[in-house]
Amino acid sequence: FDLVNGRTIASFILPEAWPALIAECQRVLRPGGLLRLTEFEWGFTNKPAVETLCALVNRAFFLAGRSFSPTGKNLGVTPMLERFLRNANFHDIGSKAYVINYSSGAPAQPAMVNNLKIAFLLLQPFLLKMGCSSQQELTALYEQAIYDIEQKDFRGRVNLTRVWGRKR
């Protein structure tokens, strides 16, 4: 392949599986082919319910052994991406940071509101299983978060990191 593109895959790849994943990407790339990975960190808002839900998800991933964070305060994968490529002997490695602004009135807000509504619902069983919260607390946080992200004073950002490298 000329390009292997992985986007927001950290939620279903165990930390110890990354080297094998990178090796498989390298295997299927032609010489000079490009591996591009994009991952995110979230929870940057001005509303406590949204920030708390993001923090609970980060904590659950940590407790499940699916985080690179030493504390569970974030997902921790974005600082690891370049190292993965270096360790696999890719070259011409680069990186770029992006921000998705989903504040009230921002172009990305409608799509992000829909994504968060779905994500915060689908993640509730995982949060309960990992003991991060009670159903009562999750229900209240969810209702408040959905209310908050639709308010005119809501501010929120998702930070993305994209890294790339070429197969030798």
N, C-alpha and C. Protein backbone atom coordinates (compact mmCIF):
# COMPACT_ATOMS: atom_id res chain seq x y z
N PHE A 1 0.84 -1.18 0.00
CA PHE A 1 0.00 0.00 0.00
C PHE A 1 0.88 1.25 0.00
N ASP A 2 0.36 2.30 -0.57
CA ASP A 2 1.04 3.59 -0.53
C ASP A 2 0.80 4.30 0.80
N LEU A 3 -0.36 4.04 1.41
CA LEU A 3 -0.75 4.74 2.63
C LEU A 3 -1.51 3.80 3.54
N VAL A 4 -1.15 3.81 4.82
CA VAL A 4 -1.95 3.21 5.88
C VAL A 4 -2.30 4.35 6.81
N ASN A 5 -3.60 4.55 7.01
CA ASN A 5 -4.10 5.67 7.81
C ASN A 5 -4.88 5.11 9.00
N GLY A 6 -4.40 5.37 10.21
CA GLY A 6 -5.10 4.96 11.42
C GLY A 6 -5.57 6.20 12.16
N ARG A 7 -6.86 6.26 12.44
CA ARG A 7 -7.41 7.46 13.07
C ARG A 7 -8.24 7.07 14.28
N THR A 8 -7.89 7.62 15.42
CA THR A 8 -8.56 7.41 16.71
C THR A 8 -8.79 5.92 16.99
N ILE A 9 -7.71 5.16 16.93
CA ILE A 9 -7.79 3.72 17.16
C ILE A 9 -7.35 3.32 18.57
N ALA A 10 -6.83 4.26 19.34
CA ALA A 10 -6.29 3.93 20.66
C ALA A 10 -7.34 3.33 21.59
N SER A 11 -8.60 3.65 21.38
CA SER A 11 -9.63 3.14 22.28
C SER A 11 -9.83 1.63 22.15
N PHE A 12 -9.38 1.03 21.07
CA PHE A 12 -9.55 -0.41 20.94
C PHE A 12 -8.24 -1.17 20.69
N ILE A 13 -7.11 -0.49 20.86
CA ILE A 13 -5.80 -1.15 20.76
C ILE A 13 -5.15 -1.10 22.14
N LEU A 14 -4.82 -2.25 22.68
CA LEU A 14 -4.14 -2.28 23.97
C LEU A 14 -2.75 -1.66 23.84
N PRO A 15 -2.27 -1.00 24.87
CA PRO A 15 -0.94 -0.39 24.78
C PRO A 15 0.16 -1.35 24.33
N GLU A 16 0.14 -2.57 24.83
CA GLU A 16 1.18 -3.52 24.46
C GLU A 16 1.04 -4.04 23.02
N ALA A 17 -0.10 -3.79 22.37
CA ALA A 17 -0.33 -4.26 21.00
C ALA A 17 0.16 -3.25 19.95
N TRP A 18 0.50 -2.04 20.37
CA TRP A 18 0.92 -1.03 19.39
C TRP A 18 2.14 -1.45 18.57
N PRO A 19 3.20 -1.99 19.19
CA PRO A 19 4.35 -2.38 18.35
C PRO A 19 3.98 -3.39 17.25
N ALA A 20 3.15 -4.36 17.58
CA ALA A 20 2.73 -5.34 16.56
C ALA A 20 1.87 -4.67 15.49
N LEU A 21 1.02 -3.75 15.89
CA LEU A 21 0.21 -3.03 14.92
C LEU A 21 1.09 -2.22 13.97
N ILE A 22 2.06 -1.52 14.52
CA ILE A 22 2.97 -0.71 13.69
C ILE A 22 3.77 -1.62 12.77
N ALA A 23 4.21 -2.77 13.28
CA ALA A 23 4.95 -3.72 12.45
C ALA A 23 4.09 -4.24 11.30
N GLU A 24 2.84 -4.50 11.56
CA GLU A 24 1.94 -4.96 10.49
C GLU A 24 1.70 -3.87 9.47
N CYS A 25 1.55 -2.64 9.92
CA CYS A 25 1.41 -1.52 8.98
C CYS A 25 2.66 -1.43 8.11
N GLN A 26 3.81 -1.58 8.73
CA GLN A 26 5.06 -1.52 7.98
C GLN A 26 5.14 -2.67 6.97
N ARG A 27 4.68 -3.83 7.36
CA ARG A 27 4.73 -4.99 6.47
C ARG A 27 3.92 -4.76 5.20
N VAL A 28 2.74 -4.14 5.33
CA VAL A 28 1.86 -4.00 4.17
C VAL A 28 2.18 -2.75 3.32
N LEU A 29 3.05 -1.89 3.83
CA LEU A 29 3.43 -0.70 3.06
C LEU A 29 4.53 -1.04 2.06
N ARG A 30 4.47 -0.43 0.90
CA ARG A 30 5.56 -0.54 -0.07
C ARG A 30 6.72 0.31 0.44
N PRO A 31 7.95 0.08 -0.03
CA PRO A 31 9.04 0.98 0.33
C PRO A 31 8.69 2.43 -0.04
N GLY A 32 8.87 3.33 0.89
CA GLY A 32 8.50 4.72 0.68
C GLY A 32 7.04 5.02 1.03
N GLY A 33 6.27 3.96 1.35
CA GLY A 33 4.87 4.14 1.73
C GLY A 33 4.75 4.88 3.05
N LEU A 34 3.60 5.49 3.27
CA LEU A 34 3.39 6.37 4.41
C LEU A 34 2.44 5.74 5.43
N LEU A 35 2.86 5.76 6.68
CA LEU A 35 1.98 5.42 7.80
C LEU A 35 1.60 6.73 8.47
N ARG A 36 0.29 6.94 8.64
CA ARG A 36 -0.21 8.17 9.27
C ARG A 36 -1.16 7.77 10.39
N LEU A 37 -0.90 8.28 11.58
CA LEU A 37 -1.71 7.99 12.77
C LEU A 37 -2.22 9.30 13.36
N THR A 38 -3.48 9.32 13.71
CA THR A 38 -4.09 10.50 14.34
C THR A 38 -4.83 10.04 15.59
N GLU A 39 -4.48 10.65 16.73
CA GLU A 39 -5.13 10.34 18.00
C GLU A 39 -5.51 11.63 18.71
N PHE A 40 -6.32 11.52 19.74
CA PHE A 40 -6.85 12.71 20.41
C PHE A 40 -6.70 12.66 21.91
N GLU A 41 -6.80 13.83 22.49
CA GLU A 41 -6.99 14.01 23.94
C GLU A 41 -8.18 14.95 24.08
N TRP A 42 -9.00 14.71 25.07
CA TRP A 42 -10.22 15.49 25.21
C TRP A 42 -10.45 15.90 26.65
N GLY A 43 -11.56 16.61 26.85
CA GLY A 43 -11.94 17.02 28.19
C GLY A 43 -11.64 18.47 28.50
N PHE A 44 -11.35 19.25 27.46
CA PHE A 44 -11.00 20.65 27.64
C PHE A 44 -12.25 21.49 27.39
N THR A 45 -12.96 21.82 28.46
CA THR A 45 -14.20 22.60 28.34
C THR A 45 -14.32 23.55 29.52
N ASN A 46 -15.34 24.39 29.44
CA ASN A 46 -15.64 25.29 30.55
C ASN A 46 -16.86 24.83 31.34
N LYS A 47 -17.26 23.58 31.15
CA LYS A 47 -18.44 23.07 31.85
C LYS A 47 -18.07 21.81 32.64
N PRO A 48 -18.35 21.81 33.95
CA PRO A 48 -17.93 20.70 34.80
C PRO A 48 -18.49 19.33 34.40
N ALA A 49 -19.74 19.27 33.97
CA ALA A 49 -20.32 17.95 33.65
C ALA A 49 -19.63 17.32 32.45
N VAL A 50 -19.34 18.10 31.42
CA VAL A 50 -18.66 17.58 30.23
C VAL A 50 -17.24 17.15 30.60
N GLU A 51 -16.55 18.01 31.32
CA GLU A 51 -15.18 17.69 31.72
C GLU A 51 -15.14 16.46 32.62
N THR A 52 -16.10 16.34 33.52
CA THR A 52 -16.15 15.19 34.42
C THR A 52 -16.40 13.90 33.65
N LEU A 53 -17.32 13.92 32.69
CA LEU A 53 -17.56 12.71 31.89
C LEU A 53 -16.30 12.30 31.12
N CYS A 54 -15.63 13.26 30.52
CA CYS A 54 -14.38 12.95 29.82
C CYS A 54 -13.36 12.36 30.78
N ALA A 55 -13.25 12.94 31.96
CA ALA A 55 -12.30 12.45 32.96
C ALA A 55 -12.65 11.03 33.42
N LEU A 56 -13.93 10.74 33.56
CA LEU A 56 -14.35 9.38 33.95
C LEU A 56 -13.98 8.37 32.86
N VAL A 57 -14.16 8.76 31.61
CA VAL A 57 -13.78 7.87 30.51
C VAL A 57 -12.26 7.64 30.52
N ASN A 58 -11.50 8.71 30.68
CA ASN A 58 -10.04 8.57 30.75
C ASN A 58 -9.65 7.63 31.89
N ARG A 59 -10.29 7.78 33.03
CA ARG A 59 -10.00 6.94 34.20
C ARG A 59 -10.36 5.48 33.93
N ALA A 60 -11.50 5.26 33.28
CA ALA A 60 -11.93 3.90 32.97
C ALA A 60 -10.93 3.22 32.03
N PHE A 61 -10.45 3.95 31.03
CA PHE A 61 -9.45 3.39 30.13
C PHE A 61 -8.17 3.05 30.90
N PHE A 62 -7.79 3.88 31.82
CA PHE A 62 -6.63 3.63 32.66
C PHE A 62 -6.82 2.36 33.49
N LEU A 63 -7.96 2.25 34.16
CA LEU A 63 -8.24 1.09 35.00
C LEU A 63 -8.32 -0.20 34.19
N ALA A 64 -8.73 -0.09 32.93
CA ALA A 64 -8.83 -1.25 32.05
C ALA A 64 -7.50 -1.60 31.39
N GLY A 65 -6.45 -0.84 31.69
CA GLY A 65 -5.15 -1.10 31.09
C GLY A 65 -5.08 -0.67 29.63
N ARG A 66 -5.88 0.32 29.26
CA ARG A 66 -5.95 0.78 27.87
C ARG A 66 -5.48 2.22 27.73
N SER A 67 -4.57 2.63 28.58
CA SER A 67 -4.10 4.00 28.60
C SER A 67 -2.59 4.02 28.74
N PHE A 68 -1.99 5.04 28.20
CA PHE A 68 -0.56 5.26 28.40
C PHE A 68 -0.29 6.23 29.54
N SER A 69 -1.34 6.82 30.08
CA SER A 69 -1.19 7.79 31.16
C SER A 69 -0.75 7.10 32.45
N PRO A 70 0.20 7.68 33.16
CA PRO A 70 0.61 7.08 34.44
C PRO A 70 -0.40 7.34 35.56
N THR A 71 -1.35 8.25 35.33
CA THR A 71 -2.29 8.61 36.39
C THR A 71 -3.75 8.39 36.00
N GLY A 72 -4.03 8.23 34.72
CA GLY A 72 -5.41 8.09 34.26
C GLY A 72 -6.11 9.41 34.03
N LYS A 73 -5.37 10.51 34.10
CA LYS A 73 -5.98 11.82 33.89
C LYS A 73 -6.21 12.13 32.41
N ASN A 74 -5.50 11.41 31.53
CA ASN A 74 -5.70 11.57 30.10
C ASN A 74 -5.50 10.20 29.46
N LEU A 75 -5.66 10.14 28.16
CA LEU A 75 -5.46 8.86 27.47
C LEU A 75 -3.98 8.56 27.28
N GLY A 76 -3.18 9.60 27.07
CA GLY A 76 -1.74 9.47 27.05
C GLY A 76 -1.12 8.88 25.80
N VAL A 77 -1.90 8.65 24.76
CA VAL A 77 -1.34 8.03 23.56
C VAL A 77 -0.63 9.05 22.66
N THR A 78 -1.07 10.29 22.64
CA THR A 78 -0.52 11.24 21.67
C THR A 78 0.98 11.45 21.82
N PRO A 79 1.55 11.49 23.03
CA PRO A 79 3.00 11.65 23.10
C PRO A 79 3.78 10.41 22.70
N MET A 80 3.09 9.27 22.55
CA MET A 80 3.76 8.02 22.23
C MET A 80 3.91 7.78 20.73
N LEU A 81 3.13 8.45 19.92
CA LEU A 81 3.03 8.11 18.50
C LEU A 81 4.35 8.19 17.75
N GLU A 82 5.09 9.28 17.94
CA GLU A 82 6.37 9.41 17.23
C GLU A 82 7.33 8.30 17.64
N ARG A 83 7.35 7.97 18.91
CA ARG A 83 8.25 6.92 19.38
C ARG A 83 7.93 5.58 18.73
N PHE A 84 6.65 5.28 18.56
CA PHE A 84 6.27 4.03 17.89
C PHE A 84 6.90 3.95 16.50
N LEU A 85 6.82 5.04 15.76
CA LEU A 85 7.36 5.05 14.41
C LEU A 85 8.89 4.97 14.42
N ARG A 86 9.52 5.68 15.34
CA ARG A 86 10.99 5.62 15.44
C ARG A 86 11.47 4.20 15.79
N ASN A 87 10.78 3.59 16.75
CA ASN A 87 11.15 2.24 17.16
C ASN A 87 10.99 1.22 16.04
N ALA A 88 10.09 1.50 15.10
CA ALA A 88 9.85 0.59 13.97
C ALA A 88 10.70 0.96 12.76
N ASN A 89 11.61 1.91 12.95
CA ASN A 89 12.57 2.29 11.91
C ASN A 89 11.92 3.00 10.71
N PHE A 90 10.85 3.73 10.94
CA PHE A 90 10.32 4.60 9.90
C PHE A 90 11.25 5.80 9.77
N HIS A 91 11.19 6.50 8.66
CA HIS A 91 12.00 7.71 8.49
C HIS A 91 11.11 8.83 7.99
N ASP A 92 11.68 10.02 7.85
CA ASP A 92 10.90 11.22 7.50
C ASP A 92 9.70 11.36 8.42
N ILE A 93 9.93 11.16 9.71
CA ILE A 93 8.84 11.22 10.69
C ILE A 93 8.50 12.68 10.96
N GLY A 94 7.23 12.96 10.98
CA GLY A 94 6.76 14.30 11.29
C GLY A 94 5.52 14.24 12.16
N SER A 95 5.14 15.38 12.68
CA SER A 95 3.93 15.45 13.49
C SER A 95 3.32 16.84 13.38
N LYS A 96 2.04 16.89 13.64
CA LYS A 96 1.32 18.16 13.62
C LYS A 96 0.17 18.06 14.61
N ALA A 97 -0.05 19.15 15.32
CA ALA A 97 -1.16 19.23 16.27
C ALA A 97 -2.32 19.98 15.63
N TYR A 98 -3.51 19.54 15.93
CA TYR A 98 -4.73 20.17 15.45
C TYR A 98 -5.67 20.37 16.63
N VAL A 99 -6.57 21.30 16.49
CA VAL A 99 -7.59 21.53 17.51
C VAL A 99 -8.95 21.53 16.83
N ILE A 100 -9.87 20.78 17.40
CA ILE A 100 -11.27 20.88 16.98
C ILE A 100 -11.96 21.75 18.02
N ASN A 101 -12.38 22.90 17.59
CA ASN A 101 -13.11 23.82 18.46
C ASN A 101 -14.59 23.51 18.29
N TYR A 102 -15.21 23.00 19.33
CA TYR A 102 -16.64 22.72 19.26
C TYR A 102 -17.43 23.60 20.24
N SER A 103 -16.90 24.79 20.43
CA SER A 103 -17.59 25.79 21.24
C SER A 103 -18.89 26.20 20.57
N SER A 104 -19.77 26.80 21.36
CA SER A 104 -21.03 27.31 20.82
C SER A 104 -20.76 28.22 19.63
N GLY A 105 -21.44 27.97 18.53
CA GLY A 105 -21.30 28.79 17.33
C GLY A 105 -20.18 28.37 16.40
N ALA A 106 -19.29 27.48 16.85
CA ALA A 106 -18.20 27.01 16.00
C ALA A 106 -18.75 26.04 14.96
N PRO A 107 -18.12 26.00 13.79
CA PRO A 107 -18.62 25.09 12.74
C PRO A 107 -18.68 23.62 13.17
N ALA A 108 -17.77 23.20 14.02
CA ALA A 108 -17.73 21.78 14.43
C ALA A 108 -18.72 21.44 15.53
N GLN A 109 -19.37 22.45 16.11
CA GLN A 109 -20.23 22.17 17.26
C GLN A 109 -21.36 21.18 16.97
N PRO A 110 -22.15 21.34 15.90
CA PRO A 110 -23.27 20.39 15.72
C PRO A 110 -22.82 18.94 15.61
N ALA A 111 -21.76 18.69 14.85
CA ALA A 111 -21.28 17.31 14.70
C ALA A 111 -20.73 16.78 16.02
N MET A 112 -19.97 17.60 16.74
CA MET A 112 -19.40 17.15 18.00
C MET A 112 -20.48 16.93 19.06
N VAL A 113 -21.51 17.77 19.07
CA VAL A 113 -22.61 17.56 20.02
C VAL A 113 -23.24 16.20 19.75
N ASN A 114 -23.50 15.89 18.49
CA ASN A 114 -24.08 14.59 18.15
C ASN A 114 -23.14 13.45 18.56
N ASN A 115 -21.85 13.60 18.27
CA ASN A 115 -20.88 12.57 18.63
C ASN A 115 -20.81 12.37 20.14
N LEU A 116 -20.79 13.46 20.89
CA LEU A 116 -20.71 13.35 22.35
C LEU A 116 -21.97 12.75 22.95
N LYS A 117 -23.12 13.11 22.41
CA LYS A 117 -24.37 12.51 22.90
C LYS A 117 -24.30 10.99 22.78
N ILE A 118 -23.86 10.52 21.64
CA ILE A 118 -23.78 9.07 21.40
C ILE A 118 -22.67 8.45 22.25
N ALA A 119 -21.48 9.06 22.23
CA ALA A 119 -20.35 8.50 22.97
C ALA A 119 -20.64 8.40 24.45
N PHE A 120 -21.18 9.46 25.04
CA PHE A 120 -21.43 9.44 26.48
C PHE A 120 -22.50 8.41 26.86
N LEU A 121 -23.41 8.11 25.95
CA LEU A 121 -24.38 7.04 26.22
C LEU A 121 -23.74 5.67 26.07
N LEU A 122 -23.04 5.46 24.96
CA LEU A 122 -22.45 4.14 24.70
C LEU A 122 -21.36 3.77 25.70
N LEU A 123 -20.69 4.75 26.27
CA LEU A 123 -19.61 4.48 27.22
C LEU A 123 -20.10 4.22 28.64
N GLN A 124 -21.37 4.46 28.91
CA GLN A 124 -21.87 4.28 30.28
C GLN A 124 -21.69 2.86 30.82
N PRO A 125 -22.00 1.81 30.05
CA PRO A 125 -21.78 0.46 30.59
C PRO A 125 -20.31 0.20 30.94
N PHE A 126 -19.39 0.71 30.14
CA PHE A 126 -17.96 0.57 30.40
C PHE A 126 -17.59 1.30 31.70
N LEU A 127 -18.11 2.51 31.88
CA LEU A 127 -17.82 3.27 33.10
C LEU A 127 -18.36 2.55 34.33
N LEU A 128 -19.53 1.97 34.21
CA LEU A 128 -20.11 1.21 35.32
C LEU A 128 -19.28 -0.04 35.61
N LYS A 129 -18.91 -0.76 34.57
CA LYS A 129 -18.12 -1.98 34.73
C LYS A 129 -16.78 -1.70 35.42
N MET A 130 -16.17 -0.56 35.09
CA MET A 130 -14.87 -0.22 35.66
C MET A 130 -15.01 0.43 37.03
N GLY A 131 -16.24 0.62 37.51
CA GLY A 131 -16.47 1.16 38.84
C GLY A 131 -16.17 2.64 38.97
N CYS A 132 -16.24 3.35 37.87
CA CYS A 132 -15.90 4.77 37.88
C CYS A 132 -17.05 5.66 38.35
N SER A 133 -18.25 5.11 38.34
CA SER A 133 -19.41 5.94 38.66
C SER A 133 -20.61 5.03 38.91
N SER A 134 -21.65 5.64 39.43
CA SER A 134 -22.93 4.93 39.57
C SER A 134 -23.83 5.33 38.41
N GLN A 135 -24.84 4.54 38.15
CA GLN A 135 -25.78 4.87 37.08
C GLN A 135 -26.48 6.19 37.38
N GLN A 136 -26.81 6.42 38.63
CA GLN A 136 -27.48 7.66 39.01
C GLN A 136 -26.59 8.87 38.70
N GLU A 137 -25.31 8.78 39.06
CA GLU A 137 -24.39 9.87 38.78
C GLU A 137 -24.22 10.07 37.27
N LEU A 138 -24.08 8.96 36.53
CA LEU A 138 -23.90 9.06 35.08
C LEU A 138 -25.11 9.68 34.40
N THR A 139 -26.29 9.31 34.84
CA THR A 139 -27.51 9.87 34.26
C THR A 139 -27.56 11.38 34.49
N ALA A 140 -27.26 11.80 35.70
CA ALA A 140 -27.27 13.23 36.02
C ALA A 140 -26.18 13.98 35.24
N LEU A 141 -24.98 13.40 35.17
CA LEU A 141 -23.89 14.04 34.42
C LEU A 141 -24.23 14.14 32.94
N TYR A 142 -24.78 13.07 32.39
CA TYR A 142 -25.14 13.06 30.98
C TYR A 142 -26.16 14.15 30.67
N GLU A 143 -27.22 14.20 31.45
CA GLU A 143 -28.26 15.21 31.22
C GLU A 143 -27.70 16.62 31.32
N GLN A 144 -26.85 16.87 32.34
CA GLN A 144 -26.26 18.20 32.49
C GLN A 144 -25.29 18.50 31.35
N ALA A 145 -24.49 17.52 30.96
CA ALA A 145 -23.51 17.74 29.87
C ALA A 145 -24.21 18.07 28.56
N ILE A 146 -25.27 17.36 28.24
CA ILE A 146 -25.99 17.63 26.99
C ILE A 146 -26.62 19.01 27.05
N TYR A 147 -27.17 19.37 28.18
CA TYR A 147 -27.71 20.72 28.34
C TYR A 147 -26.60 21.76 28.15
N ASP A 148 -25.46 21.54 28.83
CA ASP A 148 -24.37 22.52 28.80
C ASP A 148 -23.78 22.73 27.42
N ILE A 149 -23.57 21.66 26.66
CA ILE A 149 -22.91 21.82 25.36
C ILE A 149 -23.81 22.51 24.33
N GLU A 150 -25.07 22.64 24.66
CA GLU A 150 -25.98 23.34 23.75
C GLU A 150 -26.20 24.80 24.16
N GLN A 151 -25.51 25.27 25.22
CA GLN A 151 -25.66 26.64 25.68
C GLN A 151 -24.73 27.59 24.92
N LYS A 152 -25.14 28.85 24.81
CA LYS A 152 -24.36 29.84 24.06
C LYS A 152 -22.99 30.12 24.68
N ASP A 153 -22.82 29.89 25.97
CA ASP A 153 -21.53 30.17 26.61
C ASP A 153 -20.60 28.95 26.67
N PHE A 154 -21.00 27.84 26.03
CA PHE A 154 -20.18 26.64 26.08
C PHE A 154 -18.91 26.81 25.25
N ARG A 155 -17.79 26.37 25.81
CA ARG A 155 -16.50 26.36 25.11
C ARG A 155 -15.90 24.97 25.28
N GLY A 156 -15.45 24.40 24.16
CA GLY A 156 -14.84 23.07 24.22
C GLY A 156 -13.86 22.85 23.09
N ARG A 157 -12.85 22.06 23.36
CA ARG A 157 -11.81 21.73 22.37
C ARG A 157 -11.40 20.28 22.53
N VAL A 158 -11.06 19.70 21.40
CA VAL A 158 -10.41 18.39 21.36
C VAL A 158 -9.06 18.61 20.69
N ASN A 159 -8.00 18.11 21.31
CA ASN A 159 -6.67 18.23 20.73
C ASN A 159 -6.33 16.94 20.01
N LEU A 160 -5.93 17.07 18.75
CA LEU A 160 -5.52 15.92 17.95
C LEU A 160 -4.04 16.04 17.62
N THR A 161 -3.38 14.90 17.58
CA THR A 161 -2.00 14.84 17.13
C THR A 161 -1.93 13.86 15.97
N ARG A 162 -1.34 14.30 14.89
CA ARG A 162 -1.12 13.43 13.72
C ARG A 162 0.38 13.23 13.57
N VAL A 163 0.79 11.99 13.43
CA VAL A 163 2.19 11.68 13.13
C VAL A 163 2.23 10.84 11.86
N TRP A 164 3.35 10.92 11.19
CA TRP A 164 3.53 10.14 9.96
C TRP A 164 4.99 9.78 9.80
N GLY A 165 5.19 8.74 9.05
CA GLY A 165 6.54 8.31 8.74
C GLY A 165 6.53 7.42 7.51
N ARG A 166 7.66 7.35 6.85
CA ARG A 166 7.80 6.54 5.63
C ARG A 166 8.55 5.26 5.92
N LYS A 167 8.12 4.22 5.25
CA LYS A 167 8.83 2.94 5.32
C LYS A 167 10.13 3.06 4.53
N ARG A 168 11.19 2.54 5.07
CA ARG A 168 12.48 2.55 4.36
C ARG A 168 12.44 1.60 3.18
